[in-house]
N, C-alpha and C. Protein backbone atom coordinates (compact mmCIF):
# COMPACT_ATOMS: atom_id res chain seq x y z
N UNK A 1 7.47 -56.68 17.82
CA UNK A 1 6.75 -57.52 16.93
C UNK A 1 5.76 -56.80 15.97
N UNK A 2 5.06 -55.99 16.62
CA UNK A 2 4.09 -54.50 16.05
C UNK A 2 4.96 -53.79 15.25
N UNK A 3 5.91 -53.30 16.03
CA UNK A 3 6.99 -52.31 14.81
C UNK A 3 8.05 -52.38 13.94
N UNK A 4 7.42 -54.02 14.08
CA UNK A 4 8.59 -54.52 13.18
C UNK A 4 7.89 -54.55 11.70
N UNK A 5 6.62 -55.40 11.86
CA UNK A 5 5.70 -54.73 10.80
C UNK A 5 5.42 -53.74 10.55
N UNK A 6 4.87 -52.83 11.46
CA UNK A 6 4.82 -51.56 10.72
C UNK A 6 6.21 -50.65 10.05
N UNK A 7 6.97 -51.03 10.15
CA UNK A 7 8.82 -50.97 9.56
C UNK A 7 8.80 -51.39 7.98
N UNK A 8 7.85 -52.99 7.75
CA UNK A 8 7.94 -53.38 6.82
C UNK A 8 6.95 -52.76 6.31
N UNK A 9 5.93 -52.43 6.55
CA UNK A 9 4.42 -51.83 6.13
C UNK A 9 5.31 -50.44 4.84
N UNK A 10 6.23 -49.90 6.02
CA UNK A 10 6.90 -48.59 5.38
C UNK A 10 7.64 -48.97 4.32
N UNK A 11 8.65 -50.00 4.30
CA UNK A 11 9.41 -50.75 3.37
C UNK A 11 8.63 -50.97 2.35
N UNK A 12 7.74 -51.74 2.38
CA UNK A 12 6.96 -52.11 1.08
C UNK A 12 5.91 -50.48 0.67
N UNK A 13 5.76 -50.16 0.81
CA UNK A 13 4.63 -48.45 0.59
C UNK A 13 5.39 -47.27 0.87
N UNK A 14 6.83 -47.38 0.30
CA UNK A 14 7.69 -45.91 0.57
C UNK A 14 7.24 -44.87 0.27
N UNK A 15 6.39 -44.80 -1.25
CA UNK A 15 6.14 -43.60 -1.45
C UNK A 15 4.80 -43.04 -1.25
N UNK A 16 4.11 -44.41 -1.18
CA UNK A 16 2.28 -43.66 -0.30
C UNK A 16 2.84 -42.89 1.30
N UNK A 17 3.75 -43.79 2.42
CA UNK A 17 4.02 -43.26 3.50
C UNK A 17 4.93 -41.69 3.29
N UNK A 18 5.97 -41.62 2.21
CA UNK A 18 6.14 -40.56 2.29
C UNK A 18 5.59 -39.17 1.66
N UNK A 19 4.78 -39.58 0.82
CA UNK A 19 3.54 -39.01 0.32
C UNK A 19 2.73 -38.30 1.34
N UNK A 20 2.35 -39.25 2.46
CA UNK A 20 1.31 -38.96 3.34
C UNK A 20 1.82 -37.75 4.47
N UNK A 21 3.36 -38.25 4.59
CA UNK A 21 4.10 -37.85 5.40
C UNK A 21 4.46 -35.94 5.39
N UNK A 22 4.60 -35.94 4.14
CA UNK A 22 4.77 -34.59 2.34
C UNK A 22 3.62 -33.91 3.29
N UNK A 23 2.31 -34.51 3.07
CA UNK A 23 1.41 -33.50 2.85
C UNK A 23 0.67 -33.29 4.29
N UNK A 24 1.65 -34.26 5.36
CA UNK A 24 1.06 -33.71 6.90
C UNK A 24 2.15 -32.16 7.01
N UNK A 25 2.98 -32.56 6.54
CA UNK A 25 3.66 -31.56 6.71
C UNK A 25 3.70 -30.00 6.48
N UNK A 26 3.18 -30.57 5.15
CA UNK A 26 2.82 -29.10 4.32
C UNK A 26 1.41 -28.89 4.95
N UNK A 27 0.41 -29.59 5.27
CA UNK A 27 -0.74 -29.03 5.54
C UNK A 27 -0.88 -28.69 6.80
N UNK A 28 0.42 -28.77 8.09
CA UNK A 28 0.73 -27.83 9.45
C UNK A 28 1.59 -27.29 9.36
N UNK A 29 2.59 -26.93 8.61
CA UNK A 29 3.29 -25.26 7.73
C UNK A 29 2.49 -24.60 7.61
N UNK A 30 1.59 -25.04 6.50
CA UNK A 30 1.04 -24.00 5.86
C UNK A 30 0.03 -23.53 6.74
N UNK A 31 -0.89 -24.34 7.91
CA UNK A 31 -1.78 -23.37 8.45
C UNK A 31 -1.29 -22.27 9.80
N UNK A 32 0.15 -23.04 10.44
CA UNK A 32 0.97 -22.58 11.08
C UNK A 32 1.20 -21.09 10.54
N UNK A 33 1.44 -21.05 9.41
CA UNK A 33 2.20 -19.60 8.94
C UNK A 33 1.05 -18.73 8.87
N UNK A 34 -0.06 -19.33 7.99
CA UNK A 34 -1.60 -18.58 7.91
C UNK A 34 -1.52 -17.78 8.92
N UNK A 35 -1.60 -19.07 10.50
CA UNK A 35 -2.26 -17.74 11.56
C UNK A 35 -1.57 -17.58 12.32
N UNK A 36 -0.20 -17.31 11.70
CA UNK A 36 0.90 -16.35 12.73
C UNK A 36 0.89 -15.02 11.91
N UNK A 37 0.43 -15.18 10.41
CA UNK A 37 0.50 -13.92 9.49
C UNK A 37 -0.90 -13.55 9.99
N UNK A 38 -1.84 -13.93 10.70
CA UNK A 38 -3.26 -13.11 10.55
C UNK A 38 -2.92 -13.08 12.22
N UNK A 39 -3.26 -13.90 13.07
CA UNK A 39 -3.21 -13.27 14.37
C UNK A 39 -1.88 -12.81 15.31
N UNK A 40 -1.03 -12.87 14.69
CA UNK A 40 0.06 -11.80 15.43
C UNK A 40 0.41 -10.64 15.52
N UNK A 41 0.35 -9.71 13.68
CA UNK A 41 -0.30 -8.40 13.93
C UNK A 41 -1.49 -7.94 14.36
N UNK A 42 -2.38 -8.72 14.62
CA UNK A 42 -3.96 -8.22 15.41
C UNK A 42 -3.65 -8.41 16.47
N UNK A 43 -2.90 -9.10 17.10
CA UNK A 43 -2.88 -9.08 18.91
C UNK A 43 -2.38 -7.90 19.09
N UNK A 44 -0.84 -7.47 18.68
CA UNK A 44 -0.53 -6.33 18.13
C UNK A 44 -1.15 -5.22 18.42
N UNK A 45 -2.07 -5.45 17.84
CA UNK A 45 -3.33 -3.95 17.17
C UNK A 45 -3.99 -3.84 18.70
N UNK A 46 -4.76 -5.12 18.46
CA UNK A 46 -5.90 -5.13 19.68
C UNK A 46 -5.16 -4.86 20.84
N UNK A 47 -3.93 -4.95 21.39
CA UNK A 47 -3.43 -4.35 22.30
C UNK A 47 -3.78 -2.75 22.81
N UNK A 48 -3.94 -2.26 21.95
CA UNK A 48 -4.10 -0.74 21.64
C UNK A 48 -5.61 0.03 22.05
N UNK A 49 -6.35 -1.48 21.57
CA UNK A 49 -7.45 -0.87 21.52
C UNK A 49 -8.45 -1.72 22.15
N UNK A 50 -8.56 -1.31 23.36
CA UNK A 50 -9.63 -2.24 24.78
C UNK A 50 -10.72 -2.53 24.17
N UNK A 51 -11.46 -1.92 23.53
CA UNK A 51 -12.80 -2.15 23.27
C UNK A 51 -12.72 -3.36 22.20
N UNK A 52 -12.45 -3.58 21.21
CA UNK A 52 -12.30 -4.54 19.91
C UNK A 52 -12.06 -5.98 21.13
N UNK A 53 -10.48 -5.15 21.52
CA UNK A 53 -9.62 -6.79 21.97
C UNK A 53 -11.08 -7.24 23.12
N UNK A 54 -11.71 -6.70 23.69
CA UNK A 54 -12.54 -7.63 24.58
C UNK A 54 -13.62 -8.50 23.59
N UNK A 55 -14.15 -8.24 22.73
CA UNK A 55 -14.80 -9.25 22.09
C UNK A 55 -13.73 -10.10 21.24
N UNK A 56 -12.99 -10.13 20.56
CA UNK A 56 -11.81 -10.13 19.96
C UNK A 56 -11.21 -11.65 20.56
N UNK A 57 -10.93 -10.96 22.09
CA UNK A 57 -10.44 -12.41 22.95
C UNK A 57 -11.18 -12.79 23.30
N UNK A 58 -12.88 -12.47 23.69
CA UNK A 58 -13.55 -14.18 24.06
C UNK A 58 -14.33 -14.83 23.06
N UNK A 59 -14.02 -14.03 21.93
CA UNK A 59 -14.25 -15.69 20.51
C UNK A 59 -12.99 -15.98 20.43
N UNK A 60 -11.65 -16.32 21.20
CA UNK A 60 -10.51 -16.47 21.10
C UNK A 60 -10.95 -17.28 21.79
N UNK A 61 -11.36 -16.99 22.85
CA UNK A 61 -10.99 -18.27 24.44
C UNK A 61 -12.43 -19.10 23.97
N UNK A 62 -13.65 -19.09 23.17
CA UNK A 62 -14.49 -19.74 23.02
C UNK A 62 -13.69 -20.67 21.85
N UNK A 63 -13.06 -20.03 21.06
CA UNK A 63 -12.28 -21.33 19.74
C UNK A 63 -11.35 -22.09 20.17
N UNK A 64 -10.71 -22.14 21.19
CA UNK A 64 -10.08 -22.46 22.15
C UNK A 64 -10.66 -23.71 22.71
N UNK A 65 -12.29 -23.56 22.92
CA UNK A 65 -12.69 -24.94 23.81
C UNK A 65 -13.48 -25.55 22.85
N UNK A 66 -13.31 -25.72 21.50
CA UNK A 66 -14.12 -26.56 20.34
C UNK A 66 -12.69 -27.37 20.05
N UNK A 67 -13.39 -29.00 20.48
CA UNK A 67 -12.53 -30.13 19.99
C UNK A 67 -12.36 -29.71 18.30
N UNK A 68 -10.88 -30.31 18.25
CA UNK A 68 -10.44 -30.23 16.97
C UNK A 68 -11.40 -30.91 15.74
N UNK A 69 -12.02 -31.73 16.47
CA UNK A 69 -12.79 -33.32 14.95
C UNK A 69 -13.77 -32.04 14.74
N UNK A 70 -14.53 -31.18 15.93
CA UNK A 70 -15.35 -31.12 16.05
C UNK A 70 -15.37 -29.00 14.70
N UNK A 71 -14.12 -28.86 14.76
CA UNK A 71 -13.95 -27.91 13.41
C UNK A 71 -13.60 -28.41 12.60
N UNK A 72 -13.41 -29.48 12.21
CA UNK A 72 -13.39 -29.76 11.24
C UNK A 72 -14.43 -30.33 10.71
N UNK A 73 -15.25 -31.05 11.38
CA UNK A 73 -16.89 -31.52 10.93
C UNK A 73 -17.60 -29.98 10.64
N UNK A 74 -17.36 -29.15 11.53
CA UNK A 74 -17.76 -27.95 11.18
C UNK A 74 -17.98 -26.89 9.89
N UNK A 75 -16.34 -27.65 9.15
CA UNK A 75 -15.96 -26.27 8.00
C UNK A 75 -16.43 -27.82 7.22
N UNK A 76 -16.66 -28.68 6.99
CA UNK A 76 -17.29 -29.76 5.59
C UNK A 76 -18.39 -29.64 4.80
N UNK A 77 -19.51 -29.11 6.19
CA UNK A 77 -20.77 -28.69 5.18
C UNK A 77 -20.11 -27.88 4.18
N UNK A 78 -19.56 -26.85 5.20
CA UNK A 78 -19.29 -25.49 4.11
C UNK A 78 -18.64 -25.63 3.11
N UNK A 79 -17.29 -26.71 2.91
CA UNK A 79 -16.00 -26.17 1.99
C UNK A 79 -16.19 -27.49 1.91
N UNK A 80 -16.46 -28.53 2.01
CA UNK A 80 -16.45 -29.79 1.37
C UNK A 80 -14.90 -30.82 1.98
N UNK A 81 -15.20 -31.31 1.06
CA UNK A 81 -13.58 -31.67 1.75
C UNK A 81 -12.18 -32.03 0.56
N UNK A 82 -11.60 -32.49 1.40
CA UNK A 82 -10.01 -31.81 0.13
C UNK A 82 -8.55 -31.68 1.70
N UNK A 83 -8.04 -31.17 0.99
CA UNK A 83 -6.67 -30.06 1.33
C UNK A 83 -6.82 -28.97 1.83
N UNK A 84 -7.66 -28.05 0.89
CA UNK A 84 -7.89 -26.68 1.65
C UNK A 84 -8.78 -26.57 2.21
N UNK A 85 -9.80 -27.53 2.91
CA UNK A 85 -10.67 -27.45 3.87
C UNK A 85 -10.17 -27.73 5.01
N UNK A 86 -9.32 -28.76 4.82
CA UNK A 86 -8.08 -29.09 6.37
C UNK A 86 -7.58 -28.01 6.45
N UNK A 87 -6.88 -27.32 5.85
CA UNK A 87 -5.76 -26.13 5.75
C UNK A 87 -6.88 -25.03 6.64
N UNK A 88 -7.67 -24.85 6.27
CA UNK A 88 -8.66 -23.65 6.65
C UNK A 88 -8.76 -24.25 7.99
N UNK A 89 -9.35 -25.54 8.46
CA UNK A 89 -10.00 -25.61 9.96
C UNK A 89 -8.93 -25.68 10.64
N UNK A 90 -7.23 -25.94 10.30
CA UNK A 90 -6.44 -25.97 11.28
C UNK A 90 -6.08 -24.78 11.28
N UNK A 91 -5.94 -23.81 10.25
CA UNK A 91 -5.91 -22.48 10.73
C UNK A 91 -6.99 -21.67 11.66
N UNK A 92 -7.93 -21.95 11.67
CA UNK A 92 -8.87 -21.85 12.79
C UNK A 92 -7.66 -21.96 14.34
N UNK A 93 -7.94 -23.43 13.83
CA UNK A 93 -7.37 -24.05 15.29
C UNK A 93 -6.28 -23.11 16.13
N UNK A 94 -5.35 -22.90 14.78
CA UNK A 94 -4.23 -22.49 15.78
C UNK A 94 -4.04 -20.69 15.65
N UNK A 95 -5.05 -20.39 15.02
CA UNK A 95 -5.69 -19.06 15.70
C UNK A 95 -5.65 -18.37 17.14
N UNK A 96 -6.05 -18.97 18.01
CA UNK A 96 -6.75 -18.66 19.09
C UNK A 96 -5.44 -18.54 20.69
N UNK A 97 -4.33 -19.33 20.42
CA UNK A 97 -3.37 -19.32 21.13
C UNK A 97 -2.20 -17.90 20.84
N UNK A 98 -2.39 -18.24 19.43
CA UNK A 98 -1.21 -17.22 18.80
C UNK A 98 -1.94 -15.69 19.29
N UNK A 99 -3.39 -15.62 19.16
CA UNK A 99 -4.14 -14.55 19.14
C UNK A 99 -3.85 -13.69 20.78
N UNK A 100 -4.47 -14.72 21.57
CA UNK A 100 -4.14 -14.43 22.92
C UNK A 100 -3.36 -14.37 23.49
N UNK A 101 -1.89 -14.98 22.83
CA UNK A 101 -0.17 -14.52 23.77
C UNK A 101 -0.11 -13.04 23.11
N UNK A 102 -0.10 -12.94 21.43
CA UNK A 102 0.56 -11.73 21.11
C UNK A 102 0.06 -10.75 22.13
N UNK A 103 -1.85 -10.40 22.06
CA UNK A 103 -2.20 -9.52 22.84
C UNK A 103 -1.84 -9.96 24.19
N UNK A 104 -1.45 -10.25 24.89
CA UNK A 104 -1.56 -10.24 26.83
C UNK A 104 0.05 -10.18 26.49
N UNK A 105 0.88 -10.32 25.87
CA UNK A 105 2.29 -9.96 25.69
C UNK A 105 2.67 -8.53 25.44
N UNK A 106 1.86 -8.12 25.01
CA UNK A 106 2.10 -6.40 24.14
C UNK A 106 1.75 -6.05 25.79
N UNK A 107 0.69 -6.06 25.73
CA UNK A 107 -0.53 -5.34 27.33
C UNK A 107 0.83 -5.66 28.49
N UNK A 108 1.27 -6.32 28.56
CA UNK A 108 2.02 -6.78 29.80
C UNK A 108 3.15 -5.81 29.51
N UNK A 109 3.46 -5.36 28.66
CA UNK A 109 5.04 -4.50 28.31
C UNK A 109 4.94 -3.47 29.54
N UNK A 110 5.95 -2.78 30.18
CA UNK A 110 5.88 -1.59 31.49
C UNK A 110 5.73 -0.94 30.61
N UNK A 111 4.41 0.30 31.16
CA UNK A 111 4.30 1.39 30.03
C UNK A 111 4.96 2.39 30.67
N UNK A 112 5.77 2.30 31.33
CA UNK A 112 7.28 2.91 31.65
C UNK A 112 8.32 3.35 30.55
N UNK A 113 8.22 1.93 30.14
CA UNK A 113 9.25 1.23 29.41
C UNK A 113 8.94 2.31 27.41
N UNK A 114 7.79 2.37 27.47
CA UNK A 114 7.05 2.78 26.10
C UNK A 114 6.80 4.52 26.58
N UNK A 115 6.40 4.67 27.55
CA UNK A 115 7.34 6.19 27.65
C UNK A 115 8.58 6.88 27.22
N UNK A 116 9.08 5.90 27.96
CA UNK A 116 10.76 5.99 27.71
C UNK A 116 11.13 6.25 26.13
N UNK A 117 10.84 5.43 25.95
CA UNK A 117 10.52 4.95 23.75
C UNK A 117 10.07 6.57 23.20
N UNK A 118 9.20 6.34 23.58
CA UNK A 118 8.45 7.74 23.02
C UNK A 118 9.17 9.58 23.54
N UNK A 119 9.96 9.34 24.66
CA UNK A 119 10.46 10.39 24.80
C UNK A 119 11.49 10.51 24.14
N UNK A 120 12.23 9.37 23.55
CA UNK A 120 13.38 9.61 22.82
C UNK A 120 12.99 9.58 21.61
N UNK A 121 11.43 10.04 21.10
CA UNK A 121 11.37 10.59 19.56
C UNK A 121 10.83 9.19 18.40
N UNK A 122 10.97 8.13 19.31
CA UNK A 122 10.63 6.90 18.57
C UNK A 122 9.04 7.13 17.90
N UNK A 123 8.70 6.45 16.73
CA UNK A 123 6.90 6.87 16.52
C UNK A 123 6.54 5.19 16.96
N UNK A 124 5.51 5.34 16.60
CA UNK A 124 4.71 4.33 16.96
C UNK A 124 4.99 2.77 16.57
N UNK A 125 5.55 2.86 15.45
CA UNK A 125 5.83 1.77 14.63
C UNK A 125 7.39 1.52 15.23
N UNK A 126 8.24 2.19 15.60
CA UNK A 126 9.18 2.05 15.63
C UNK A 126 9.16 1.68 17.20
N UNK A 127 7.46 2.04 18.01
CA UNK A 127 8.17 1.14 19.47
C UNK A 127 7.66 -0.11 19.77
N UNK A 128 6.80 -0.51 18.58
CA UNK A 128 6.47 -2.09 18.25
C UNK A 128 7.60 -2.57 17.97
N UNK A 129 8.19 -2.17 16.78
CA UNK A 129 9.31 -3.33 16.93
C UNK A 129 10.50 -3.08 17.66
N UNK A 130 10.78 -2.46 17.92
CA UNK A 130 12.19 -2.29 18.78
C UNK A 130 12.00 -2.47 20.31
N UNK A 131 10.43 -2.44 20.83
CA UNK A 131 10.69 -2.28 22.22
C UNK A 131 9.72 -3.06 22.65
N UNK A 132 8.21 -3.12 22.24
CA UNK A 132 7.19 -4.07 22.28
C UNK A 132 7.67 -5.38 22.10
N UNK A 133 7.69 -5.58 20.78
CA UNK A 133 7.80 -7.09 20.47
C UNK A 133 8.87 -8.09 20.92
N UNK A 134 10.08 -7.57 20.51
CA UNK A 134 11.33 -7.72 21.81
C UNK A 134 10.98 -8.51 22.90
N UNK A 135 10.33 -7.44 23.73
CA UNK A 135 9.73 -7.40 25.13
C UNK A 135 9.04 -8.58 25.04
N UNK A 136 8.13 -8.81 24.06
CA UNK A 136 7.18 -9.76 24.22
C UNK A 136 7.79 -11.26 23.19
N UNK A 137 8.15 -11.04 22.91
CA UNK A 137 8.80 -12.36 22.29
C UNK A 137 8.48 -13.73 23.03
N UNK A 138 9.02 -14.00 24.25
CA UNK A 138 8.89 -15.10 24.45
C UNK A 138 7.33 -15.65 25.04
N UNK A 139 6.56 -14.77 25.41
CA UNK A 139 5.01 -14.97 25.45
C UNK A 139 4.41 -15.27 24.07
N UNK A 140 4.92 -14.77 23.37
CA UNK A 140 4.25 -14.95 21.88
C UNK A 140 4.84 -16.14 21.23
N UNK A 141 5.89 -16.71 21.42
CA UNK A 141 6.33 -17.57 20.93
C UNK A 141 5.63 -18.94 21.72
N UNK A 142 5.27 -18.62 23.05
CA UNK A 142 5.03 -19.52 23.80
C UNK A 142 3.20 -19.87 23.48
N UNK A 143 2.48 -19.05 23.07
CA UNK A 143 1.70 -19.43 21.98
C UNK A 143 1.49 -19.71 20.66
N UNK A 144 3.36 -19.42 19.71
CA UNK A 144 3.19 -20.15 18.88
C UNK A 144 3.60 -21.31 19.09
N UNK A 145 4.25 -22.21 19.91
CA UNK A 145 4.33 -23.40 20.62
C UNK A 145 3.26 -24.47 20.73
N UNK A 146 2.32 -23.33 21.49
CA UNK A 146 1.56 -24.06 21.84
C UNK A 146 0.08 -24.47 20.30
N UNK A 147 0.39 -24.47 19.97
CA UNK A 147 -0.38 -23.88 18.13
C UNK A 147 0.06 -25.18 17.59
N UNK A 148 1.29 -24.42 17.36
CA UNK A 148 2.18 -25.44 16.14
C UNK A 148 2.28 -27.13 16.87
N UNK A 149 2.06 -27.89 18.24
CA UNK A 149 1.48 -28.93 18.50
C UNK A 149 0.14 -28.86 18.25
N UNK A 150 -0.40 -28.24 18.40
CA UNK A 150 -2.42 -28.17 18.33
C UNK A 150 -2.43 -28.78 16.96
N UNK A 151 -1.72 -28.37 16.35
CA UNK A 151 -1.85 -27.97 14.84
C UNK A 151 -1.39 -29.15 14.10
N UNK A 152 -0.06 -29.46 14.69
CA UNK A 152 0.46 -30.96 14.08
C UNK A 152 -0.18 -32.26 14.79
N UNK A 153 -0.96 -32.08 15.63
CA UNK A 153 -1.24 -33.55 16.03
C UNK A 153 -2.97 -33.51 15.63
N UNK A 154 -3.88 -32.09 15.70
CA UNK A 154 -4.83 -31.83 14.70
C UNK A 154 -4.90 -32.83 13.28
N UNK A 155 -4.05 -32.39 12.60
CA UNK A 155 -3.68 -32.44 11.53
C UNK A 155 -3.91 -34.37 10.93
N UNK A 156 -3.60 -35.45 12.05
CA UNK A 156 -4.09 -36.34 12.37
C UNK A 156 -6.11 -36.35 11.47
N UNK A 157 -6.71 -35.78 11.99
CA UNK A 157 -8.25 -35.83 12.12
C UNK A 157 -8.20 -35.25 10.37
N UNK A 158 -7.73 -34.85 9.58
CA UNK A 158 -7.92 -34.30 8.60
C UNK A 158 -8.12 -35.00 7.86
N UNK A 159 -7.28 -36.36 8.07
CA UNK A 159 -8.17 -37.71 6.99
C UNK A 159 -9.54 -38.03 7.43
N UNK A 160 -10.36 -37.43 8.05
CA UNK A 160 -11.73 -38.22 8.19
C UNK A 160 -12.58 -36.72 7.07
N UNK A 161 -11.93 -35.98 6.52
CA UNK A 161 -12.32 -34.63 5.52
C UNK A 161 -11.51 -34.50 4.38
N UNK A 162 -11.04 -35.79 4.13
CA UNK A 162 -10.06 -35.94 3.13
C UNK A 162 -8.54 -34.97 2.64
N UNK A 163 -8.20 -34.66 4.01
CA UNK A 163 -7.21 -34.05 3.75
C UNK A 163 -5.99 -34.54 3.79
N UNK A 164 -6.08 -35.99 3.62
CA UNK A 164 -4.70 -36.86 3.47
C UNK A 164 -3.73 -36.59 4.98
N UNK A 165 -2.87 -36.84 4.33
CA UNK A 165 -1.43 -37.35 5.90
C UNK A 165 -1.33 -38.44 6.48
N UNK A 166 -0.73 -38.29 7.39
CA UNK A 166 -0.73 -39.29 8.35
C UNK A 166 -1.89 -39.96 8.85
N UNK A 167 -2.73 -39.23 9.54
CA UNK A 167 -4.32 -40.02 9.82
C UNK A 167 -4.73 -40.99 8.87
N UNK A 168 -4.18 -40.59 7.71
CA UNK A 168 -4.96 -41.77 6.76
C UNK A 168 -4.67 -43.35 7.14
N UNK A 169 -3.32 -43.82 8.00
CA UNK A 169 -2.93 -44.59 7.89
C UNK A 169 -3.58 -45.08 9.84
N UNK A 170 -4.03 -44.10 10.58
CA UNK A 170 -4.47 -44.45 11.51
C UNK A 170 -6.22 -44.70 11.32
N UNK A 171 -6.68 -43.53 10.17
CA UNK A 171 -7.96 -43.99 10.39
C UNK A 171 -8.49 -45.45 9.24
N UNK A 172 -6.83 -45.83 8.52
CA UNK A 172 -7.62 -47.43 7.66
C UNK A 172 -7.05 -48.62 8.65
N UNK A 173 -6.41 -47.95 9.45
CA UNK A 173 -5.69 -49.29 11.12
C UNK A 173 -7.19 -49.53 11.73
N UNK A 174 -7.61 -48.16 12.04
CA UNK A 174 -8.71 -48.38 12.94
C UNK A 174 -9.76 -49.48 12.48
N UNK A 175 -10.18 -48.86 11.36
CA UNK A 175 -11.52 -49.82 10.27
C UNK A 175 -11.10 -51.10 10.37
N UNK A 176 -9.75 -51.37 9.73
CA UNK A 176 -9.41 -53.03 9.62
C UNK A 176 -8.98 -53.46 10.92
N UNK A 177 -8.75 -52.73 11.87
CA UNK A 177 -8.59 -53.13 12.93
C UNK A 177 -6.41 -54.00 12.60
N UNK A 178 -6.17 -52.88 11.75
CA UNK A 178 -4.49 -53.21 11.41
C UNK A 178 -3.87 -52.56 12.02
N UNK A 179 -3.33 -53.32 13.70
CA UNK A 179 -2.46 -52.12 14.64
C UNK A 179 -1.15 -51.70 13.88
N UNK A 180 -0.32 -52.59 12.57
CA UNK A 180 0.85 -51.82 12.72
C UNK A 180 0.88 -51.03 11.25
N UNK A 181 -0.49 -51.08 10.66
CA UNK A 181 -1.03 -50.05 9.74
C UNK A 181 -1.16 -48.42 10.38
N UNK A 182 -2.15 -49.11 11.59
CA UNK A 182 -2.14 -47.93 12.84
C UNK A 182 -0.53 -47.03 13.62
N UNK A 183 0.05 -48.24 13.55
CA UNK A 183 1.15 -47.31 13.85
C UNK A 183 2.14 -46.50 13.10
N UNK A 184 1.91 -46.76 11.82
CA UNK A 184 2.47 -46.22 10.86
C UNK A 184 2.03 -44.70 10.93
N UNK A 185 1.23 -44.22 11.11
CA UNK A 185 0.55 -43.45 11.34
C UNK A 185 0.82 -42.30 12.56
N UNK A 186 0.40 -43.27 13.64
CA UNK A 186 0.40 -42.76 14.87
C UNK A 186 1.85 -42.48 15.78
N UNK A 187 2.88 -42.99 15.34
CA UNK A 187 4.41 -43.11 15.97
C UNK A 187 5.18 -41.68 14.88
N UNK A 188 5.11 -41.66 13.53
CA UNK A 188 5.90 -40.49 13.07
C UNK A 188 4.89 -38.87 13.33
N UNK A 189 3.36 -39.07 13.55
CA UNK A 189 2.51 -37.99 13.94
C UNK A 189 3.12 -37.49 15.30
N UNK A 190 3.45 -38.14 16.23
CA UNK A 190 3.61 -38.26 17.26
C UNK A 190 5.36 -37.39 18.02
N UNK A 191 6.13 -37.96 16.87
CA UNK A 191 7.28 -37.60 16.49
C UNK A 191 7.22 -36.11 16.09
N UNK A 192 6.94 -36.13 15.19
CA UNK A 192 6.04 -34.58 14.45
C UNK A 192 5.97 -33.83 15.45
N UNK A 193 5.13 -34.24 16.38
CA UNK A 193 4.37 -33.09 17.55
C UNK A 193 5.32 -32.85 18.58
N UNK A 194 6.20 -33.55 19.18
CA UNK A 194 7.18 -33.10 19.89
C UNK A 194 8.57 -32.75 19.43
N UNK A 195 8.70 -32.58 17.44
CA UNK A 195 9.60 -32.17 17.02
C UNK A 195 8.93 -30.65 17.51
N UNK A 196 7.75 -30.37 16.93
CA UNK A 196 7.87 -28.97 16.63
C UNK A 196 7.82 -28.69 18.07
N UNK A 197 7.71 -28.97 19.03
CA UNK A 197 7.28 -28.77 19.97
C UNK A 197 9.09 -27.74 20.73
N UNK A 198 10.21 -28.85 20.70
CA UNK A 198 11.73 -29.05 20.61
C UNK A 198 11.88 -27.66 19.75
N UNK A 199 11.43 -27.51 18.65
CA UNK A 199 11.73 -26.75 17.19
C UNK A 199 11.23 -25.24 17.97
N UNK A 200 10.12 -25.04 18.32
CA UNK A 200 9.39 -23.66 18.33
C UNK A 200 10.05 -23.05 20.39
N UNK A 201 10.16 -24.48 21.14
CA UNK A 201 11.15 -23.93 22.02
C UNK A 201 12.59 -23.50 21.68
N UNK A 202 13.18 -23.79 21.10
CA UNK A 202 14.41 -23.62 20.52
C UNK A 202 14.14 -21.85 19.89
N UNK A 203 13.68 -21.58 19.12
CA UNK A 203 13.38 -20.67 18.69
C UNK A 203 13.46 -19.47 19.62
N UNK A 204 11.85 -20.00 20.66
CA UNK A 204 11.54 -18.93 21.64
C UNK A 204 13.30 -18.79 22.46
N UNK A 205 13.64 -19.71 22.79
CA UNK A 205 14.96 -19.35 23.62
C UNK A 205 16.17 -18.25 23.28
N UNK A 206 15.91 -18.69 21.65
CA UNK A 206 17.41 -18.20 20.82
C UNK A 206 16.92 -16.85 20.18
N UNK A 207 15.47 -16.32 20.71
CA UNK A 207 14.59 -15.19 19.68
C UNK A 207 14.74 -14.30 21.24
N UNK A 208 14.74 -14.48 22.35
CA UNK A 208 14.46 -13.93 23.44
C UNK A 208 15.85 -12.88 23.76
N UNK A 209 15.36 -11.74 23.84
CA UNK A 209 16.76 -11.15 24.31
C UNK A 209 17.51 -11.27 24.90
N UNK A 210 18.90 -11.19 25.68
CA UNK A 210 19.51 -11.99 26.78
C UNK A 210 19.05 -11.17 27.71
N UNK A 211 18.86 -9.90 28.11
CA UNK A 211 18.18 -9.23 29.25
C UNK A 211 17.01 -9.72 29.81
N UNK A 212 16.58 -10.22 28.99
CA UNK A 212 15.18 -10.74 29.68
C UNK A 212 15.24 -12.46 30.20
């Protein structure tokens, strides 16, 4: 019965629903893309600088322990409310797993393989691009996969600081004790999280070299 009422709510408010869905997807995808652009090269660079790596990884581990809502709440007094503060907060949430996995993956590459590549005359950039990154791909994508699920689910909480998205239906449903409206936000958000996990799991398998 509740599912039928939720579906009827969507049919009665298609513009509102699809607008919220588009905002949720845009917010999640943008935050994940920014986190990858920042954390992936940083993690690869840190793998060769042990002293700086210890500080960065320690900071990332602290970031992983912070609840999503706490991060959003901390951003609000500094940047206000809306899409951009929510994007900033979600990017912060996505950075730790990608950074830690990128660093760990590159550090785990067999030194003998790297030495062999250098012996063949490869430059440092070629070693990273042709040797380290292909071998590290499974672990790196595991971090991206984790970050994707965290961001999609965390984007629901962006409604609390005016970020929009499917969380608007959840907060309104809780406030008004309207369970069908709550489901209008909760079910698509859950499906998006599951879809993100499957998508990046598939990319992880597709991009991993056959020899690995």
